[in-house]
Amino acid sequence: NQPITAEAFAELCRSSGLRRPIDDLARIQRMLDNANLLLTAWDGD
């Protein structure tokens, strides 16, 4: 549950090949705001 930005989410989707509405950052933000479990992996920052 480490908060991430819609921009970071969209960029990782782009890099990974995951198809999500990455050009609609408001929608991405709703997706992040309303999920109740977010596990993240980090290499440094």
ModelCIF file with pLDDT and N, C-alpha, C, O atoms, coordinates in Angstrom:
data_MODEL
#
_entry.id   MODEL 
#
_entity.id                         1 
_entity.type                       polymer 
_entity.pdbx_number_of_molecules   1 
#
_entity_poly.entity_id                      1 
_entity_poly.type                           'polypeptide(L)' 
_entity_poly.nstd_linkage                   no 
_entity_poly.nstd_monomer                   no 
_entity_poly.pdbx_seq_one_letter_code       NQPITAEAFAELCRSSGLRRPIDDLARIQRMLDNANLLLTAWDGD 
_entity_poly.pdbx_seq_one_letter_code_can   NQPITAEAFAELCRSSGLRRPIDDLARIQRMLDNANLLLTAWDGD 
_entity_poly.pdbx_strand_id                 A 
#
loop_
_entity_poly_seq.entity_id 
_entity_poly_seq.num 
_entity_poly_seq.mon_id 
_entity_poly_seq.hetero 
1 1  ASN n 
1 2  GLN n 
1 3  PRO n 
1 4  ILE n 
1 5  THR n 
1 6  ALA n 
1 7  GLU n 
1 8  ALA n 
1 9  PHE n 
1 10 ALA n 
1 11 GLU n 
1 12 LEU n 
1 13 CYS n 
1 14 ARG n 
1 15 SER n 
1 16 SER n 
1 17 GLY n 
1 18 LEU n 
1 19 ARG n 
1 20 ARG n 
1 21 PRO n 
1 22 ILE n 
1 23 ASP n 
1 24 ASP n 
1 25 LEU n 
1 26 ALA n 
1 27 ARG n 
1 28 ILE n 
1 29 GLN n 
1 30 ARG n 
1 31 MET n 
1 32 LEU n 
1 33 ASP n 
1 34 ASN n 
1 35 ALA n 
1 36 ASN n 
1 37 LEU n 
1 38 LEU n 
1 39 LEU n 
1 40 THR n 
1 41 ALA n 
1 42 TRP n 
1 43 ASP n 
1 44 GLY n 
1 45 ASP n 
#
_struct_asym.id          A 
_struct_asym.entity_id   1 
#
loop_
_ma_qa_metric.id 
_ma_qa_metric.mode 
_ma_qa_metric.name 
_ma_qa_metric.software_group_id 
_ma_qa_metric.type 
1 global pLDDT . pLDDT 
2 local  pLDDT . pLDDT 
#
_ma_qa_metric_global.metric_id      1 
_ma_qa_metric_global.metric_value   93.73 
_ma_qa_metric_global.model_id       1 
_ma_qa_metric_global.ordinal_id     1 
#
loop_
_ma_qa_metric_local.label_asym_id 
_ma_qa_metric_local.label_comp_id 
_ma_qa_metric_local.label_seq_id 
_ma_qa_metric_local.metric_id 
_ma_qa_metric_local.metric_value 
_ma_qa_metric_local.model_id 
_ma_qa_metric_local.ordinal_id 
A ASN 1  2 96.00 1 1  
A GLN 2  2 94.00 1 2  
A PRO 3  2 93.00 1 3  
A ILE 4  2 95.00 1 4  
A THR 5  2 95.00 1 5  
A ALA 6  2 95.00 1 6  
A GLU 7  2 96.00 1 7  
A ALA 8  2 95.00 1 8  
A PHE 9  2 94.00 1 9  
A ALA 10 2 94.00 1 10 
A GLU 11 2 94.00 1 11 
A LEU 12 2 94.00 1 12 
A CYS 13 2 92.00 1 13 
A ARG 14 2 93.00 1 14 
A SER 15 2 91.00 1 15 
A SER 16 2 89.00 1 16 
A GLY 17 2 86.00 1 17 
A LEU 18 2 85.00 1 18 
A ARG 19 2 88.00 1 19 
A ARG 20 2 91.00 1 20 
A PRO 21 2 88.00 1 21 
A ILE 22 2 88.00 1 22 
A ASP 23 2 91.00 1 23 
A ASP 24 2 93.00 1 24 
A LEU 25 2 95.00 1 25 
A ALA 26 2 96.00 1 26 
A ARG 27 2 95.00 1 27 
A ILE 28 2 94.00 1 28 
A GLN 29 2 95.00 1 29 
A ARG 30 2 94.00 1 30 
A MET 31 2 94.00 1 31 
A LEU 32 2 95.00 1 32 
A ASP 33 2 95.00 1 33 
A ASN 34 2 95.00 1 34 
A ALA 35 2 95.00 1 35 
A ASN 36 2 95.00 1 36 
A LEU 37 2 98.00 1 37 
A LEU 38 2 97.00 1 38 
A LEU 39 2 98.00 1 39 
A THR 40 2 98.00 1 40 
A ALA 41 2 98.00 1 41 
A TRP 42 2 97.00 1 42 
A ASP 43 2 96.00 1 43 
A GLY 44 2 95.00 1 44 
A ASP 45 2 93.00 1 45 
#
loop_
_atom_site.group_PDB 
_atom_site.id 
_atom_site.type_symbol 
_atom_site.label_atom_id 
_atom_site.label_alt_id 
_atom_site.label_comp_id 
_atom_site.label_asym_id 
_atom_site.label_entity_id 
_atom_site.label_seq_id 
_atom_site.pdbx_PDB_ins_code 
_atom_site.Cartn_x 
_atom_site.Cartn_y 
_atom_site.Cartn_z 
_atom_site.occupancy 
_atom_site.B_iso_or_equiv 
_atom_site.pdbx_formal_charge 
_atom_site.auth_seq_id 
_atom_site.auth_comp_id 
_atom_site.auth_asym_id 
_atom_site.auth_atom_id 
_atom_site.pdbx_PDB_model_num 
ATOM 1   N N  . ASN A 1 1  ? 0.809   -1.228 0.000   1.00 96.00 ? 1  ASN A N  1 
ATOM 2   C CA . ASN A 1 1  ? 0.000   0.000  0.000   1.00 96.00 ? 1  ASN A CA 1 
ATOM 3   C C  . ASN A 1 1  ? 0.841   1.276  0.000   1.00 96.00 ? 1  ASN A C  1 
ATOM 4   O O  . ASN A 1 1  ? 0.449   2.290  0.579   1.00 96.00 ? 1  ASN A O  1 
ATOM 5   N N  . GLN A 1 2  ? 1.992   1.214  -0.651  1.00 94.00 ? 2  GLN A N  1 
ATOM 6   C CA . GLN A 1 2  ? 2.813   2.406  -0.891  1.00 94.00 ? 2  GLN A CA 1 
ATOM 7   C C  . GLN A 1 2  ? 2.138   3.202  -2.007  1.00 94.00 ? 2  GLN A C  1 
ATOM 8   O O  . GLN A 1 2  ? 1.994   2.689  -3.117  1.00 94.00 ? 2  GLN A O  1 
ATOM 9   N N  . PRO A 1 3  ? 1.725   4.433  -1.745  1.00 93.00 ? 3  PRO A N  1 
ATOM 10  C CA . PRO A 1 3  ? 1.072   5.208  -2.808  1.00 93.00 ? 3  PRO A CA 1 
ATOM 11  C C  . PRO A 1 3  ? 1.994   5.396  -4.018  1.00 93.00 ? 3  PRO A C  1 
ATOM 12  O O  . PRO A 1 3  ? 3.195   5.625  -3.880  1.00 93.00 ? 3  PRO A O  1 
ATOM 13  N N  . ILE A 1 4  ? 1.399   5.293  -5.191  1.00 95.00 ? 4  ILE A N  1 
ATOM 14  C CA . ILE A 1 4  ? 2.115   5.606  -6.429  1.00 95.00 ? 4  ILE A CA 1 
ATOM 15  C C  . ILE A 1 4  ? 1.255   6.568  -7.232  1.00 95.00 ? 4  ILE A C  1 
ATOM 16  O O  . ILE A 1 4  ? 0.044   6.649  -7.030  1.00 95.00 ? 4  ILE A O  1 
ATOM 17  N N  . THR A 1 5  ? 1.880   7.282  -8.126  1.00 95.00 ? 5  THR A N  1 
ATOM 18  C CA . THR A 1 5  ? 1.147   8.243  -8.941  1.00 95.00 ? 5  THR A CA 1 
ATOM 19  C C  . THR A 1 5  ? 0.533   7.557  -10.160 1.00 95.00 ? 5  THR A C  1 
ATOM 20  O O  . THR A 1 5  ? 0.964   6.482  -10.577 1.00 95.00 ? 5  THR A O  1 
ATOM 21  N N  . ALA A 1 6  ? -0.475  8.206  -10.711 1.00 95.00 ? 6  ALA A N  1 
ATOM 22  C CA . ALA A 1 6  ? -1.076  7.708  -11.948 1.00 95.00 ? 6  ALA A CA 1 
ATOM 23  C C  . ALA A 1 6  ? -0.024  7.661  -13.057 1.00 95.00 ? 6  ALA A C  1 
ATOM 24  O O  . ALA A 1 6  ? -0.029  6.753  -13.888 1.00 95.00 ? 6  ALA A O  1 
ATOM 25  N N  . GLU A 1 7  ? 0.865   8.635  -13.063 1.00 96.00 ? 7  GLU A N  1 
ATOM 26  C CA . GLU A 1 7  ? 1.923   8.674  -14.087 1.00 96.00 ? 7  GLU A CA 1 
ATOM 27  C C  . GLU A 1 7  ? 2.865   7.474  -13.945 1.00 96.00 ? 7  GLU A C  1 
ATOM 28  O O  . GLU A 1 7  ? 3.248   6.867  -14.945 1.00 96.00 ? 7  GLU A O  1 
ATOM 29  N N  . ALA A 1 8  ? 3.239   7.130  -12.709 1.00 95.00 ? 8  ALA A N  1 
ATOM 30  C CA . ALA A 1 8  ? 4.122   5.980  -12.485 1.00 95.00 ? 8  ALA A CA 1 
ATOM 31  C C  . ALA A 1 8  ? 3.425   4.681  -12.888 1.00 95.00 ? 8  ALA A C  1 
ATOM 32  O O  . ALA A 1 8  ? 4.041   3.800  -13.488 1.00 95.00 ? 8  ALA A O  1 
ATOM 33  N N  . PHE A 1 9  ? 2.143   4.570  -12.556 1.00 94.00 ? 9  PHE A N  1 
ATOM 34  C CA . PHE A 1 9  ? 1.356   3.401  -12.932 1.00 94.00 ? 9  PHE A CA 1 
ATOM 35  C C  . PHE A 1 9  ? 1.326   3.268  -14.457 1.00 94.00 ? 9  PHE A C  1 
ATOM 36  O O  . PHE A 1 9  ? 1.589   2.196  -15.001 1.00 94.00 ? 9  PHE A O  1 
ATOM 37  N N  . ALA A 1 10 ? 1.003   4.369  -15.136 1.00 94.00 ? 10 ALA A N  1 
ATOM 38  C CA . ALA A 1 10 ? 0.899   4.357  -16.601 1.00 94.00 ? 10 ALA A CA 1 
ATOM 39  C C  . ALA A 1 10 ? 2.235   4.018  -17.245 1.00 94.00 ? 10 ALA A C  1 
ATOM 40  O O  . ALA A 1 10 ? 2.285   3.264  -18.217 1.00 94.00 ? 10 ALA A O  1 
ATOM 41  N N  . GLU A 1 11 ? 3.308   4.567  -16.713 1.00 94.00 ? 11 GLU A N  1 
ATOM 42  C CA . GLU A 1 11 ? 4.632   4.309  -17.291 1.00 94.00 ? 11 GLU A CA 1 
ATOM 43  C C  . GLU A 1 11 ? 5.006   2.837  -17.132 1.00 94.00 ? 11 GLU A C  1 
ATOM 44  O O  . GLU A 1 11 ? 5.574   2.240  -18.046 1.00 94.00 ? 11 GLU A O  1 
ATOM 45  N N  . LEU A 1 12 ? 4.691   2.250  -15.978 1.00 94.00 ? 12 LEU A N  1 
ATOM 46  C CA . LEU A 1 12 ? 4.996   0.837  -15.783 1.00 94.00 ? 12 LEU A CA 1 
ATOM 47  C C  . LEU A 1 12 ? 4.120   -0.038 -16.681 1.00 94.00 ? 12 LEU A C  1 
ATOM 48  O O  . LEU A 1 12 ? 4.590   -1.043 -17.213 1.00 94.00 ? 12 LEU A O  1 
ATOM 49  N N  . CYS A 1 13 ? 2.873   0.331  -16.850 1.00 92.00 ? 13 CYS A N  1 
ATOM 50  C CA . CYS A 1 13 ? 2.013   -0.398 -17.799 1.00 92.00 ? 13 CYS A CA 1 
ATOM 51  C C  . CYS A 1 13 ? 2.626   -0.370 -19.197 1.00 92.00 ? 13 CYS A C  1 
ATOM 52  O O  . CYS A 1 13 ? 2.696   -1.392 -19.880 1.00 92.00 ? 13 CYS A O  1 
ATOM 53  N N  . ARG A 1 14 ? 3.062   0.799  -19.600 1.00 93.00 ? 14 ARG A N  1 
ATOM 54  C CA . ARG A 1 14 ? 3.683   0.965  -20.923 1.00 93.00 ? 14 ARG A CA 1 
ATOM 55  C C  . ARG A 1 14 ? 4.909   0.058  -21.048 1.00 93.00 ? 14 ARG A C  1 
ATOM 56  O O  . ARG A 1 14 ? 5.069   -0.635 -22.052 1.00 93.00 ? 14 ARG A O  1 
ATOM 57  N N  . SER A 1 15 ? 5.767   0.063  -20.037 1.00 91.00 ? 15 SER A N  1 
ATOM 58  C CA . SER A 1 15 ? 7.001   -0.720 -20.067 1.00 91.00 ? 15 SER A CA 1 
ATOM 59  C C  . SER A 1 15 ? 6.732   -2.225 -20.053 1.00 91.00 ? 15 SER A C  1 
ATOM 60  O O  . SER A 1 15 ? 7.426   -2.995 -20.718 1.00 91.00 ? 15 SER A O  1 
ATOM 61  N N  . SER A 1 16 ? 5.721   -2.633 -19.290 1.00 89.00 ? 16 SER A N  1 
ATOM 62  C CA . SER A 1 16 ? 5.463   -4.064 -19.120 1.00 89.00 ? 16 SER A CA 1 
ATOM 63  C C  . SER A 1 16 ? 4.640   -4.662 -20.248 1.00 89.00 ? 16 SER A C  1 
ATOM 64  O O  . SER A 1 16 ? 4.658   -5.875 -20.461 1.00 89.00 ? 16 SER A O  1 
ATOM 65  N N  . GLY A 1 17 ? 3.921   -3.813 -20.968 1.00 86.00 ? 17 GLY A N  1 
ATOM 66  C CA . GLY A 1 17 ? 3.023   -4.307 -22.004 1.00 86.00 ? 17 GLY A CA 1 
ATOM 67  C C  . GLY A 1 17 ? 1.594   -4.508 -21.513 1.00 86.00 ? 17 GLY A C  1 
ATOM 68  O O  . GLY A 1 17 ? 0.735   -4.960 -22.270 1.00 86.00 ? 17 GLY A O  1 
ATOM 69  N N  . LEU A 1 18 ? 1.331   -4.171 -20.234 1.00 85.00 ? 18 LEU A N  1 
ATOM 70  C CA . LEU A 1 18 ? -0.023  -4.303 -19.700 1.00 85.00 ? 18 LEU A CA 1 
ATOM 71  C C  . LEU A 1 18 ? -0.923  -3.253 -20.335 1.00 85.00 ? 18 LEU A C  1 
ATOM 72  O O  . LEU A 1 18 ? -0.643  -2.056 -20.269 1.00 85.00 ? 18 LEU A O  1 
ATOM 73  N N  . ARG A 1 19 ? -1.996  -3.710 -20.943 1.00 88.00 ? 19 ARG A N  1 
ATOM 74  C CA . ARG A 1 19 ? -2.917  -2.793 -21.619 1.00 88.00 ? 19 ARG A CA 1 
ATOM 75  C C  . ARG A 1 19 ? -3.913  -2.213 -20.628 1.00 88.00 ? 19 ARG A C  1 
ATOM 76  O O  . ARG A 1 19 ? -4.783  -2.919 -20.116 1.00 88.00 ? 19 ARG A O  1 
ATOM 77  N N  . ARG A 1 20 ? -3.777  -0.939 -20.367 1.00 91.00 ? 20 ARG A N  1 
ATOM 78  C CA . ARG A 1 20 ? -4.677  -0.190 -19.503 1.00 91.00 ? 20 ARG A CA 1 
ATOM 79  C C  . ARG A 1 20 ? -4.886  1.179  -20.133 1.00 91.00 ? 20 ARG A C  1 
ATOM 80  O O  . ARG A 1 20 ? -4.130  1.551  -21.030 1.00 91.00 ? 20 ARG A O  1 
ATOM 81  N N  . PRO A 1 21 ? -5.888  1.945  -19.698 1.00 88.00 ? 21 PRO A N  1 
ATOM 82  C CA . PRO A 1 21 ? -6.168  3.256  -20.308 1.00 88.00 ? 21 PRO A CA 1 
ATOM 83  C C  . PRO A 1 21 ? -5.130  4.309  -19.877 1.00 88.00 ? 21 PRO A C  1 
ATOM 84  O O  . PRO A 1 21 ? -5.463  5.268  -19.182 1.00 88.00 ? 21 PRO A O  1 
ATOM 85  N N  . ILE A 1 22 ? -3.888  4.120  -20.293 1.00 88.00 ? 22 ILE A N  1 
ATOM 86  C CA . ILE A 1 22 ? -2.777  4.919  -19.774 1.00 88.00 ? 22 ILE A CA 1 
ATOM 87  C C  . ILE A 1 22 ? -2.791  6.379  -20.221 1.00 88.00 ? 22 ILE A C  1 
ATOM 88  O O  . ILE A 1 22 ? -2.070  7.203  -19.660 1.00 88.00 ? 22 ILE A O  1 
ATOM 89  N N  . ASP A 1 23 ? -3.589  6.699  -21.206 1.00 91.00 ? 23 ASP A N  1 
ATOM 90  C CA . ASP A 1 23 ? -3.701  8.098  -21.625 1.00 91.00 ? 23 ASP A CA 1 
ATOM 91  C C  . ASP A 1 23 ? -4.794  8.845  -20.875 1.00 91.00 ? 23 ASP A C  1 
ATOM 92  O O  . ASP A 1 23 ? -4.990  10.042 -21.090 1.00 91.00 ? 23 ASP A O  1 
ATOM 93  N N  . ASP A 1 24 ? -5.506  8.147  -19.999 1.00 93.00 ? 24 ASP A N  1 
ATOM 94  C CA . ASP A 1 24 ? -6.558  8.752  -19.195 1.00 93.00 ? 24 ASP A CA 1 
ATOM 95  C C  . ASP A 1 24 ? -6.117  8.705  -17.731 1.00 93.00 ? 24 ASP A C  1 
ATOM 96  O O  . ASP A 1 24 ? -6.529  7.823  -16.977 1.00 93.00 ? 24 ASP A O  1 
ATOM 97  N N  . LEU A 1 25 ? -5.283  9.657  -17.342 1.00 95.00 ? 25 LEU A N  1 
ATOM 98  C CA . LEU A 1 25 ? -4.700  9.638  -16.005 1.00 95.00 ? 25 LEU A CA 1 
ATOM 99  C C  . LEU A 1 25 ? -5.737  9.811  -14.903 1.00 95.00 ? 25 LEU A C  1 
ATOM 100 O O  . LEU A 1 25 ? -5.539  9.308  -13.797 1.00 95.00 ? 25 LEU A O  1 
ATOM 101 N N  . ALA A 1 26 ? -6.830  10.506 -15.174 1.00 96.00 ? 26 ALA A N  1 
ATOM 102 C CA . ALA A 1 26 ? -7.887  10.637 -14.172 1.00 96.00 ? 26 ALA A CA 1 
ATOM 103 C C  . ALA A 1 26 ? -8.509  9.263  -13.886 1.00 96.00 ? 26 ALA A C  1 
ATOM 104 O O  . ALA A 1 26 ? -8.807  8.940  -12.736 1.00 96.00 ? 26 ALA A O  1 
ATOM 105 N N  . ARG A 1 27 ? -8.699  8.472  -14.923 1.00 95.00 ? 27 ARG A N  1 
ATOM 106 C CA . ARG A 1 27 ? -9.249  7.122  -14.740 1.00 95.00 ? 27 ARG A CA 1 
ATOM 107 C C  . ARG A 1 27 ? -8.252  6.231  -14.003 1.00 95.00 ? 27 ARG A C  1 
ATOM 108 O O  . ARG A 1 27 ? -8.632  5.470  -13.113 1.00 95.00 ? 27 ARG A O  1 
ATOM 109 N N  . ILE A 1 28 ? -6.976  6.329  -14.377 1.00 94.00 ? 28 ILE A N  1 
ATOM 110 C CA . ILE A 1 28 ? -5.930  5.576  -13.678 1.00 94.00 ? 28 ILE A CA 1 
ATOM 111 C C  . ILE A 1 28 ? -5.934  5.949  -12.196 1.00 94.00 ? 28 ILE A C  1 
ATOM 112 O O  . ILE A 1 28 ? -5.818  5.073  -11.339 1.00 94.00 ? 28 ILE A O  1 
ATOM 113 N N  . GLN A 1 29 ? -6.067  7.234  -11.888 1.00 95.00 ? 29 GLN A N  1 
ATOM 114 C CA . GLN A 1 29 ? -6.075  7.672  -10.499 1.00 95.00 ? 29 GLN A CA 1 
ATOM 115 C C  . GLN A 1 29 ? -7.257  7.067  -9.741  1.00 95.00 ? 29 GLN A C  1 
ATOM 116 O O  . GLN A 1 29 ? -7.108  6.673  -8.584  1.00 95.00 ? 29 GLN A O  1 
ATOM 117 N N  . ARG A 1 30 ? -8.434  6.990  -10.379 1.00 94.00 ? 30 ARG A N  1 
ATOM 118 C CA . ARG A 1 30 ? -9.591  6.344  -9.741  1.00 94.00 ? 30 ARG A CA 1 
ATOM 119 C C  . ARG A 1 30 ? -9.299  4.865  -9.481  1.00 94.00 ? 30 ARG A C  1 
ATOM 120 O O  . ARG A 1 30 ? -9.671  4.325  -8.439  1.00 94.00 ? 30 ARG A O  1 
ATOM 121 N N  . MET A 1 31 ? -8.636  4.223  -10.428 1.00 94.00 ? 31 MET A N  1 
ATOM 122 C CA . MET A 1 31 ? -8.279  2.817  -10.265 1.00 94.00 ? 31 MET A CA 1 
ATOM 123 C C  . MET A 1 31 ? -7.374  2.636  -9.048  1.00 94.00 ? 31 MET A C  1 
ATOM 124 O O  . MET A 1 31 ? -7.546  1.694  -8.274  1.00 94.00 ? 31 MET A O  1 
ATOM 125 N N  . LEU A 1 32 ? -6.424  3.532  -8.886  1.00 95.00 ? 32 LEU A N  1 
ATOM 126 C CA . LEU A 1 32 ? -5.512  3.459  -7.742  1.00 95.00 ? 32 LEU A CA 1 
ATOM 127 C C  . LEU A 1 32 ? -6.223  3.802  -6.437  1.00 95.00 ? 32 LEU A C  1 
ATOM 128 O O  . LEU A 1 32 ? -6.032  3.130  -5.423  1.00 95.00 ? 32 LEU A O  1 
ATOM 129 N N  . ASP A 1 33 ? -7.035  4.843  -6.467  1.00 95.00 ? 33 ASP A N  1 
ATOM 130 C CA . ASP A 1 33 ? -7.708  5.306  -5.248  1.00 95.00 ? 33 ASP A CA 1 
ATOM 131 C C  . ASP A 1 33 ? -8.680  4.281  -4.686  1.00 95.00 ? 33 ASP A C  1 
ATOM 132 O O  . ASP A 1 33 ? -8.884  4.226  -3.473  1.00 95.00 ? 33 ASP A O  1 
ATOM 133 N N  . ASN A 1 34 ? -9.275  3.475  -5.539  1.00 95.00 ? 34 ASN A N  1 
ATOM 134 C CA . ASN A 1 34 ? -10.341 2.586  -5.098  1.00 95.00 ? 34 ASN A CA 1 
ATOM 135 C C  . ASN A 1 34 ? -9.933  1.133  -4.945  1.00 95.00 ? 34 ASN A C  1 
ATOM 136 O O  . ASN A 1 34 ? -10.745 0.311  -4.522  1.00 95.00 ? 34 ASN A O  1 
ATOM 137 N N  . ALA A 1 35 ? -8.706  0.800  -5.274  1.00 95.00 ? 35 ALA A N  1 
ATOM 138 C CA . ALA A 1 35 ? -8.197  -0.533 -4.966  1.00 95.00 ? 35 ALA A CA 1 
ATOM 139 C C  . ALA A 1 35 ? -7.835  -0.539 -3.481  1.00 95.00 ? 35 ALA A C  1 
ATOM 140 O O  . ALA A 1 35 ? -7.399  0.480  -2.945  1.00 95.00 ? 35 ALA A O  1 
ATOM 141 N N  . ASN A 1 36 ? -8.011  -1.670 -2.822  1.00 95.00 ? 36 ASN A N  1 
ATOM 142 C CA . ASN A 1 36 ? -7.683  -1.674 -1.398  1.00 95.00 ? 36 ASN A CA 1 
ATOM 143 C C  . ASN A 1 36 ? -6.465  -2.518 -1.046  1.00 95.00 ? 36 ASN A C  1 
ATOM 144 O O  . ASN A 1 36 ? -6.174  -2.727 0.132   1.00 95.00 ? 36 ASN A O  1 
ATOM 145 N N  . LEU A 1 37 ? -5.753  -3.005 -2.058  1.00 98.00 ? 37 LEU A N  1 
ATOM 146 C CA . LEU A 1 37 ? -4.494  -3.698 -1.805  1.00 98.00 ? 37 LEU A CA 1 
ATOM 147 C C  . LEU A 1 37 ? -3.557  -3.454 -2.983  1.00 98.00 ? 37 LEU A C  1 
ATOM 148 O O  . LEU A 1 37 ? -3.860  -3.822 -4.118  1.00 98.00 ? 37 LEU A O  1 
ATOM 149 N N  . LEU A 1 38 ? -2.432  -2.839 -2.703  1.00 97.00 ? 38 LEU A N  1 
ATOM 150 C CA . LEU A 1 38 ? -1.433  -2.566 -3.732  1.00 97.00 ? 38 LEU A CA 1 
ATOM 151 C C  . LEU A 1 38 ? -0.077  -3.043 -3.227  1.00 97.00 ? 38 LEU A C  1 
ATOM 152 O O  . LEU A 1 38 ? 0.466   -2.498 -2.265  1.00 97.00 ? 38 LEU A O  1 
ATOM 153 N N  . LEU A 1 39 ? 0.460   -4.058 -3.880  1.00 98.00 ? 39 LEU A N  1 
ATOM 154 C CA . LEU A 1 39 ? 1.801   -4.541 -3.589  1.00 98.00 ? 39 LEU A CA 1 
ATOM 155 C C  . LEU A 1 39 ? 2.709   -4.013 -4.684  1.00 98.00 ? 39 LEU A C  1 
ATOM 156 O O  . LEU A 1 39 ? 2.389   -4.132 -5.867  1.00 98.00 ? 39 LEU A O  1 
ATOM 157 N N  . THR A 1 40 ? 3.831   -3.435 -4.305  1.00 98.00 ? 40 THR A N  1 
ATOM 158 C CA . THR A 1 40 ? 4.747   -2.875 -5.289  1.00 98.00 ? 40 THR A CA 1 
ATOM 159 C C  . THR A 1 40 ? 6.151   -3.438 -5.100  1.00 98.00 ? 40 THR A C  1 
ATOM 160 O O  . THR A 1 40 ? 6.526   -3.862 -4.007  1.00 98.00 ? 40 THR A O  1 
ATOM 161 N N  . ALA A 1 41 ? 6.916   -3.432 -6.185  1.00 98.00 ? 41 ALA A N  1 
ATOM 162 C CA . ALA A 1 41 ? 8.315   -3.848 -6.171  1.00 98.00 ? 41 ALA A CA 1 
ATOM 163 C C  . ALA A 1 41 ? 9.149   -2.677 -6.658  1.00 98.00 ? 41 ALA A C  1 
ATOM 164 O O  . ALA A 1 41 ? 8.791   -2.004 -7.625  1.00 98.00 ? 41 ALA A O  1 
ATOM 165 N N  . TRP A 1 42 ? 10.255  -2.440 -5.987  1.00 97.00 ? 42 TRP A N  1 
ATOM 166 C CA . TRP A 1 42 ? 11.108  -1.281 -6.253  1.00 97.00 ? 42 TRP A CA 1 
ATOM 167 C C  . TRP A 1 42 ? 12.565  -1.710 -6.379  1.00 97.00 ? 42 TRP A C  1 
ATOM 168 O O  . TRP A 1 42 ? 13.034  -2.570 -5.634  1.00 97.00 ? 42 TRP A O  1 
ATOM 169 N N  . ASP A 1 43 ? 13.268  -1.114 -7.312  1.00 96.00 ? 43 ASP A N  1 
ATOM 170 C CA . ASP A 1 43 ? 14.719  -1.217 -7.409  1.00 96.00 ? 43 ASP A CA 1 
ATOM 171 C C  . ASP A 1 43 ? 15.233  0.187  -7.114  1.00 96.00 ? 43 ASP A C  1 
ATOM 172 O O  . ASP A 1 43 ? 15.297  1.026  -8.012  1.00 96.00 ? 43 ASP A O  1 
ATOM 173 N N  . GLY A 1 44 ? 15.597  0.446  -5.868  1.00 95.00 ? 44 GLY A N  1 
ATOM 174 C CA . GLY A 1 44 ? 15.912  1.805  -5.445  1.00 95.00 ? 44 GLY A CA 1 
ATOM 175 C C  . GLY A 1 44 ? 14.645  2.644  -5.494  1.00 95.00 ? 44 GLY A C  1 
ATOM 176 O O  . GLY A 1 44 ? 13.642  2.297  -4.871  1.00 95.00 ? 44 GLY A O  1 
ATOM 177 N N  . ASP A 1 45 ? 14.690  3.741  -6.229  1.00 93.00 ? 45 ASP A N  1 
ATOM 178 C CA . ASP A 1 45 ? 13.528  4.617  -6.371  1.00 93.00 ? 45 ASP A CA 1 
ATOM 179 C C  . ASP A 1 45 ? 12.684  4.293  -7.595  1.00 93.00 ? 45 ASP A C  1 
ATOM 180 O O  . ASP A 1 45 ? 11.673  4.952  -7.839  1.00 93.00 ? 45 ASP A O  1 
#
